[in-house]
N, C-alpha and C. Protein backbone atom coordinates (compact mmCIF):
# COMPACT_ATOMS: atom_id res chain seq x y z
N MET A 1 56.48 133.92 121.51
CA MET A 1 56.27 134.59 120.21
C MET A 1 55.07 135.30 120.28
N LEU A 2 54.97 136.51 119.94
CA LEU A 2 53.80 137.44 119.90
C LEU A 2 53.24 137.39 118.59
N ILE A 3 51.93 137.17 118.58
CA ILE A 3 51.10 136.98 117.37
C ILE A 3 50.34 138.14 117.33
N GLU A 4 50.44 138.97 116.09
CA GLU A 4 49.54 140.13 116.02
C GLU A 4 48.45 139.95 114.73
N ILE A 5 47.34 140.08 114.87
CA ILE A 5 46.44 139.92 113.81
C ILE A 5 45.79 141.23 113.52
N ASN A 6 45.99 141.46 112.24
CA ASN A 6 45.49 142.91 111.66
C ASN A 6 43.99 142.64 111.08
N THR A 7 42.94 143.00 111.83
CA THR A 7 41.58 142.84 111.53
C THR A 7 41.18 143.64 110.41
N THR A 8 41.90 144.67 109.96
CA THR A 8 41.60 145.49 108.73
C THR A 8 42.31 145.13 107.52
N SER A 9 43.19 144.11 107.60
CA SER A 9 43.91 143.62 106.34
C SER A 9 42.99 142.75 105.50
N GLN A 10 43.12 142.83 104.18
CA GLN A 10 42.45 141.96 103.20
C GLN A 10 42.78 140.58 103.33
N SER A 11 44.06 140.18 104.01
CA SER A 11 44.45 138.88 104.10
C SER A 11 43.52 138.12 105.21
N PRO A 12 43.17 136.99 104.83
CA PRO A 12 42.39 136.24 106.03
C PRO A 12 43.21 136.17 107.10
N ILE A 13 42.42 135.99 108.29
CA ILE A 13 42.98 135.81 109.65
C ILE A 13 43.72 134.46 109.72
N TYR A 14 43.21 133.45 109.19
CA TYR A 14 43.94 132.37 109.15
C TYR A 14 45.14 132.16 108.41
N GLU A 15 45.30 133.07 107.41
CA GLU A 15 46.48 133.16 106.48
C GLU A 15 47.66 134.10 107.39
N GLN A 16 47.00 135.01 108.06
CA GLN A 16 48.08 135.90 108.85
C GLN A 16 48.43 135.04 109.99
N LEU A 17 47.71 134.18 110.60
CA LEU A 17 48.32 133.42 111.67
C LEU A 17 49.20 132.50 111.06
N ARG A 18 49.06 131.70 110.07
CA ARG A 18 49.89 130.81 109.50
C ARG A 18 51.15 131.57 109.17
N ASP A 19 51.24 132.65 108.45
CA ASP A 19 52.24 133.34 108.21
C ASP A 19 53.25 133.88 109.29
N GLN A 20 52.53 134.14 110.35
CA GLN A 20 53.29 134.53 111.57
C GLN A 20 54.00 133.34 112.32
N ILE A 21 53.44 132.18 112.24
CA ILE A 21 54.02 131.10 112.91
C ILE A 21 55.19 130.59 111.93
N VAL A 22 55.23 130.73 110.52
CA VAL A 22 56.26 130.43 109.72
C VAL A 22 57.40 131.40 109.91
N LEU A 23 56.96 132.79 110.06
CA LEU A 23 58.02 133.68 110.37
C LEU A 23 58.68 133.41 111.59
N GLY A 24 57.86 133.06 112.62
CA GLY A 24 58.57 132.61 113.92
C GLY A 24 59.38 131.47 113.91
N MET A 25 59.25 130.52 113.20
CA MET A 25 59.95 129.58 112.84
C MET A 25 61.27 129.80 112.21
N ALA A 26 61.30 130.66 111.17
CA ALA A 26 62.33 131.02 110.42
C ALA A 26 63.42 131.87 111.22
N ALA A 27 62.77 132.53 112.24
CA ALA A 27 63.53 133.51 113.15
C ALA A 27 64.03 132.62 114.39
N GLY A 28 63.77 131.50 114.55
CA GLY A 28 64.19 130.82 115.56
C GLY A 28 63.41 131.02 116.89
N GLN A 29 62.20 131.76 116.83
CA GLN A 29 61.45 132.04 117.86
C GLN A 29 60.69 130.90 118.36
N LEU A 30 60.21 129.83 117.28
CA LEU A 30 59.65 128.64 117.65
C LEU A 30 60.75 127.60 117.11
N THR A 31 61.09 126.64 117.90
CA THR A 31 61.92 125.70 117.80
C THR A 31 61.42 124.29 117.50
N PRO A 32 62.25 123.56 116.76
CA PRO A 32 61.59 121.99 116.36
C PRO A 32 61.35 121.49 117.43
N GLY A 33 59.96 120.78 117.74
CA GLY A 33 59.51 119.96 118.76
C GLY A 33 58.66 120.94 119.75
N GLU A 34 58.92 122.14 119.77
CA GLU A 34 58.12 122.99 120.55
C GLU A 34 56.69 122.87 120.33
N LYS A 35 55.93 122.83 121.61
CA LYS A 35 54.50 122.75 121.43
C LYS A 35 53.91 124.04 121.35
N LEU A 36 52.83 124.02 120.56
CA LEU A 36 52.00 125.26 120.22
C LEU A 36 50.84 125.13 121.15
N PRO A 37 50.22 126.16 121.36
CA PRO A 37 48.96 126.30 122.13
C PRO A 37 47.93 125.39 121.53
N SER A 38 46.98 124.88 122.23
CA SER A 38 45.84 124.11 121.64
C SER A 38 45.04 125.17 120.69
N VAL A 39 44.25 124.73 119.75
CA VAL A 39 43.46 125.73 119.08
C VAL A 39 42.55 126.49 119.92
N ARG A 40 41.93 125.94 120.82
CA ARG A 40 41.05 126.64 121.70
C ARG A 40 41.85 127.74 122.49
N ARG A 41 42.99 127.32 123.09
CA ARG A 41 43.75 128.11 123.87
C ARG A 41 44.38 129.55 123.03
N LEU A 42 44.82 129.18 122.04
CA LEU A 42 45.27 130.34 121.12
C LEU A 42 44.11 131.16 120.50
N GLY A 43 43.05 130.61 120.10
CA GLY A 43 41.97 131.32 119.84
C GLY A 43 41.47 132.51 121.01
N VAL A 44 41.49 131.80 122.21
CA VAL A 44 41.16 132.75 123.34
C VAL A 44 42.26 133.76 123.66
N ASP A 45 43.45 133.24 123.55
CA ASP A 45 44.58 134.31 123.84
C ASP A 45 44.62 135.36 122.77
N ILE A 46 44.42 135.27 121.55
CA ILE A 46 44.52 136.20 120.47
C ILE A 46 43.06 136.74 120.22
N GLY A 47 42.13 136.18 120.67
CA GLY A 47 40.81 136.69 120.45
C GLY A 47 40.17 136.45 119.14
N ILE A 48 40.39 135.31 118.61
CA ILE A 48 39.60 134.81 117.35
C ILE A 48 39.05 133.53 117.61
N ASN A 49 38.27 133.12 116.70
CA ASN A 49 37.46 131.83 116.65
C ASN A 49 38.54 130.72 116.56
N TYR A 50 38.30 129.79 117.36
CA TYR A 50 39.19 128.43 117.32
C TYR A 50 39.01 127.77 116.06
N HIS A 51 37.90 127.85 115.35
CA HIS A 51 37.91 127.24 114.10
C HIS A 51 38.98 128.04 112.96
N THR A 52 39.08 129.05 113.13
CA THR A 52 40.03 130.03 112.40
C THR A 52 41.46 129.41 112.63
N VAL A 53 41.75 129.35 114.03
CA VAL A 53 43.02 128.70 114.45
C VAL A 53 43.31 127.34 113.89
N ASN A 54 42.09 126.57 113.91
CA ASN A 54 42.30 125.13 113.48
C ASN A 54 42.52 125.11 111.98
N LYS A 55 42.05 126.04 111.25
CA LYS A 55 42.16 126.22 109.71
C LYS A 55 43.73 126.52 109.49
N ALA A 56 44.39 127.37 110.24
CA ALA A 56 45.75 127.90 110.15
C ALA A 56 46.46 126.60 110.47
N TYR A 57 46.24 125.90 111.63
CA TYR A 57 47.04 124.74 112.01
C TYR A 57 47.02 123.65 110.94
N THR A 58 45.63 123.46 110.31
CA THR A 58 45.53 122.40 109.34
C THR A 58 46.38 122.79 108.17
N MET A 59 46.41 123.98 107.77
CA MET A 59 47.13 124.47 106.61
C MET A 59 48.81 124.11 106.84
N LEU A 60 49.11 124.62 108.08
CA LEU A 60 50.56 124.28 108.45
C LEU A 60 51.04 122.99 108.57
N CYS A 61 50.03 121.94 108.98
CA CYS A 61 50.25 120.59 109.06
C CYS A 61 50.38 120.09 107.63
N GLU A 62 49.59 120.46 106.68
CA GLU A 62 49.48 120.00 105.26
C GLU A 62 50.84 120.25 104.55
N GLU A 63 51.42 121.55 104.93
CA GLU A 63 52.58 121.87 104.40
C GLU A 63 53.81 121.48 104.91
N GLY A 64 53.61 120.86 106.16
CA GLY A 64 54.88 120.20 106.91
C GLY A 64 55.45 120.99 107.86
N TYR A 65 54.84 122.19 108.08
CA TYR A 65 55.61 123.17 109.16
C TYR A 65 55.25 122.62 110.71
N ILE A 66 54.15 122.00 110.89
CA ILE A 66 53.99 121.54 112.20
C ILE A 66 53.26 120.00 112.07
N VAL A 67 53.35 119.33 113.29
CA VAL A 67 52.64 118.20 113.25
C VAL A 67 51.61 118.21 114.36
N LEU A 68 50.49 117.46 114.08
CA LEU A 68 49.24 117.42 115.02
C LEU A 68 49.21 116.08 115.54
N ASP A 69 48.94 115.84 116.98
CA ASP A 69 48.59 114.59 117.45
C ASP A 69 47.17 114.40 117.42
N THR A 70 46.63 113.27 117.89
CA THR A 70 45.14 113.01 118.03
C THR A 70 44.35 113.94 118.57
N ARG A 71 45.02 114.54 119.61
CA ARG A 71 44.30 115.49 120.38
C ARG A 71 44.15 117.01 119.83
N LYS A 72 44.73 117.10 118.75
CA LYS A 72 45.04 118.44 118.00
C LYS A 72 45.88 119.32 118.56
N ARG A 73 46.95 118.74 119.29
CA ARG A 73 47.97 119.41 119.94
C ARG A 73 48.89 119.64 118.71
N ALA A 74 49.63 120.70 118.68
CA ALA A 74 50.39 120.99 117.53
C ALA A 74 51.88 121.15 118.06
N ALA A 75 52.79 120.75 117.45
CA ALA A 75 54.28 120.84 117.69
C ALA A 75 55.05 121.33 116.37
N VAL A 76 55.89 122.04 116.53
CA VAL A 76 56.77 122.50 115.41
C VAL A 76 57.60 121.44 114.85
N SER A 77 57.61 121.10 113.47
CA SER A 77 58.29 120.18 112.88
C SER A 77 59.65 120.39 112.98
N PRO A 78 60.42 119.24 112.73
CA PRO A 78 61.90 119.36 112.72
C PRO A 78 62.23 120.10 111.56
N MET A 79 63.40 120.65 111.41
CA MET A 79 63.77 121.43 110.20
C MET A 79 63.46 120.80 108.85
N MET A 80 62.87 121.42 108.05
CA MET A 80 62.18 120.82 106.84
C MET A 80 63.42 120.83 105.69
N LYS A 81 63.32 119.78 104.85
CA LYS A 81 64.16 119.80 103.67
C LYS A 81 63.41 120.39 102.52
N CYS A 82 64.14 120.79 101.43
CA CYS A 82 63.54 121.48 100.30
C CYS A 82 63.22 120.49 99.40
N THR A 83 61.87 120.16 99.23
CA THR A 83 61.22 119.10 98.46
C THR A 83 60.95 119.68 97.01
N GLY A 84 60.64 118.89 96.09
CA GLY A 84 60.22 119.22 94.86
C GLY A 84 58.97 120.02 94.82
N ASP A 85 58.05 119.56 95.66
CA ASP A 85 56.80 120.37 95.70
C ASP A 85 57.04 121.64 96.18
N PHE A 86 57.73 121.85 97.35
CA PHE A 86 58.13 123.31 97.97
C PHE A 86 58.86 124.08 96.84
N GLN A 87 59.76 123.54 96.28
CA GLN A 87 60.38 124.20 95.22
C GLN A 87 59.33 124.82 94.03
N ALA A 88 58.52 123.97 93.60
CA ALA A 88 57.58 124.39 92.70
C ALA A 88 56.63 125.52 93.22
N ARG A 89 56.11 125.32 94.37
CA ARG A 89 55.40 126.43 95.05
C ARG A 89 56.17 127.65 95.05
N LEU A 90 57.42 127.63 95.47
CA LEU A 90 58.23 128.68 95.64
C LEU A 90 58.52 129.45 94.34
N SER A 91 58.82 128.53 93.36
CA SER A 91 59.03 129.18 91.87
C SER A 91 57.80 130.03 91.49
N GLN A 92 56.59 129.32 91.64
CA GLN A 92 55.46 129.91 91.17
C GLN A 92 55.09 131.25 91.89
N LYS A 93 55.47 131.19 93.10
CA LYS A 93 55.18 132.48 93.93
C LYS A 93 56.29 133.69 93.47
N LEU A 94 57.42 133.16 93.32
CA LEU A 94 58.51 134.25 92.92
C LEU A 94 58.30 134.73 91.61
N LEU A 95 57.85 133.78 90.52
CA LEU A 95 57.61 134.34 89.19
C LEU A 95 56.49 135.43 89.27
N LEU A 96 55.44 135.28 90.09
CA LEU A 96 54.42 136.25 90.10
C LEU A 96 54.94 137.53 90.74
N ILE A 97 55.77 137.34 91.76
CA ILE A 97 56.34 138.62 92.43
C ILE A 97 57.16 139.36 91.53
N ALA A 98 57.99 138.52 90.82
CA ALA A 98 59.03 139.26 89.82
C ALA A 98 58.25 139.90 88.75
N ALA A 99 57.08 139.33 88.24
CA ALA A 99 56.36 139.82 87.21
C ALA A 99 55.75 141.08 87.87
N GLU A 100 55.16 141.12 88.92
CA GLU A 100 54.63 142.23 89.54
C GLU A 100 55.80 143.43 89.79
N ALA A 101 56.99 143.09 90.07
CA ALA A 101 58.03 143.98 90.26
C ALA A 101 58.46 144.67 88.84
N ILE A 102 58.42 143.77 87.81
CA ILE A 102 58.66 144.30 86.40
C ILE A 102 57.57 145.40 86.14
N CYS A 103 56.31 144.93 86.29
CA CYS A 103 55.12 145.87 86.03
C CYS A 103 55.45 147.25 86.70
N HIS A 104 56.05 147.31 87.83
CA HIS A 104 56.13 148.53 88.64
C HIS A 104 57.48 149.11 88.36
N GLY A 105 58.23 148.66 87.35
CA GLY A 105 59.49 149.32 87.10
C GLY A 105 60.68 149.02 87.92
N ILE A 106 60.66 147.92 88.66
CA ILE A 106 61.78 147.68 89.40
C ILE A 106 62.86 146.81 88.65
N SER A 107 64.08 147.24 88.73
CA SER A 107 65.17 146.61 88.04
C SER A 107 65.41 145.16 88.65
N LYS A 108 66.21 144.39 87.88
CA LYS A 108 66.48 142.92 88.26
C LYS A 108 67.39 143.30 89.52
N GLU A 109 68.34 144.09 89.56
CA GLU A 109 69.29 144.45 90.63
C GLU A 109 68.49 144.79 91.75
N GLU A 110 67.61 145.79 91.70
CA GLU A 110 66.79 146.18 92.87
C GLU A 110 65.96 145.09 93.48
N PHE A 111 65.25 144.21 92.56
CA PHE A 111 64.54 143.21 92.86
C PHE A 111 65.42 142.08 93.75
N THR A 112 66.65 141.71 93.36
CA THR A 112 67.45 140.99 93.92
C THR A 112 68.06 141.46 95.18
N LYS A 113 68.16 142.69 95.43
CA LYS A 113 68.67 143.38 96.56
C LYS A 113 67.52 143.28 97.55
N THR A 114 66.15 143.42 97.14
CA THR A 114 65.06 143.49 97.98
C THR A 114 64.85 142.04 98.60
N CYS A 115 65.05 141.07 97.68
CA CYS A 115 64.75 139.59 98.17
C CYS A 115 65.91 139.45 99.25
N SER A 116 67.17 139.79 98.94
CA SER A 116 68.20 139.41 99.90
C SER A 116 67.97 140.03 101.28
N LYS A 117 67.54 141.21 101.17
CA LYS A 117 67.18 142.01 102.42
C LYS A 117 65.99 141.39 103.24
N TYR A 118 65.09 140.93 102.68
CA TYR A 118 64.02 140.32 103.36
C TYR A 118 64.22 138.90 103.71
N TYR A 119 65.21 138.17 103.04
CA TYR A 119 65.62 136.79 103.55
C TYR A 119 66.34 136.96 104.76
N GLN A 120 67.32 138.06 104.90
CA GLN A 120 67.96 138.32 106.03
C GLN A 120 67.07 138.73 107.28
N LYS A 121 66.10 139.50 107.00
CA LYS A 121 64.98 140.05 107.98
C LYS A 121 64.18 138.75 108.49
N ALA A 122 64.08 137.91 107.55
CA ALA A 122 63.20 136.62 108.09
C ALA A 122 63.99 135.80 109.14
N MET A 123 65.26 135.71 108.78
CA MET A 123 66.27 135.10 109.70
C MET A 123 66.31 135.67 111.02
N GLU A 124 66.27 136.94 110.97
CA GLU A 124 66.55 137.69 112.23
C GLU A 124 65.18 137.93 112.96
N GLY A 125 64.11 137.55 112.38
CA GLY A 125 62.67 137.80 113.06
C GLY A 125 62.25 139.19 112.86
N GLN A 126 62.78 139.97 112.06
CA GLN A 126 62.31 141.41 111.92
C GLN A 126 61.25 141.50 110.71
N THR A 127 60.01 141.53 111.15
CA THR A 127 58.86 141.49 110.19
C THR A 127 58.28 142.85 109.95
N ASN A 128 58.75 143.97 110.55
CA ASN A 128 58.19 145.16 110.33
C ASN A 128 58.93 146.05 109.54
N GLY A 129 58.50 146.95 108.90
CA GLY A 129 59.17 147.88 108.10
C GLY A 129 59.59 147.39 106.81
N HIS A 130 60.21 148.28 105.84
CA HIS A 130 60.48 148.00 104.42
C HIS A 130 62.02 148.24 104.25
């Protein structure tokens, strides 16, 4: 899986890294049980501080996407179930995105169509374009 960091983005690097790992999981580029590089190795490989990688890995672990062993080796978690906590976070994010869409004059039909399009893209691993 290729990880690309946009240093000009307003999104923090650890969030970009977290998001790309989740996208890789959704697209099947990272499979359950697959080992991820150590925080130091990944930091060197993509040219970022290992503390930044550690922050992303910690976030992913807390959210249940990866598991960490005592040596901070990370592995992709088995396919996750939809918990009440996840459903609540998803609902909160979707509510805000829907509100922003309404503010920009996007119809319910166009919003739903766009959501379906990007759901499919996430499954196929297509993260570029609109």
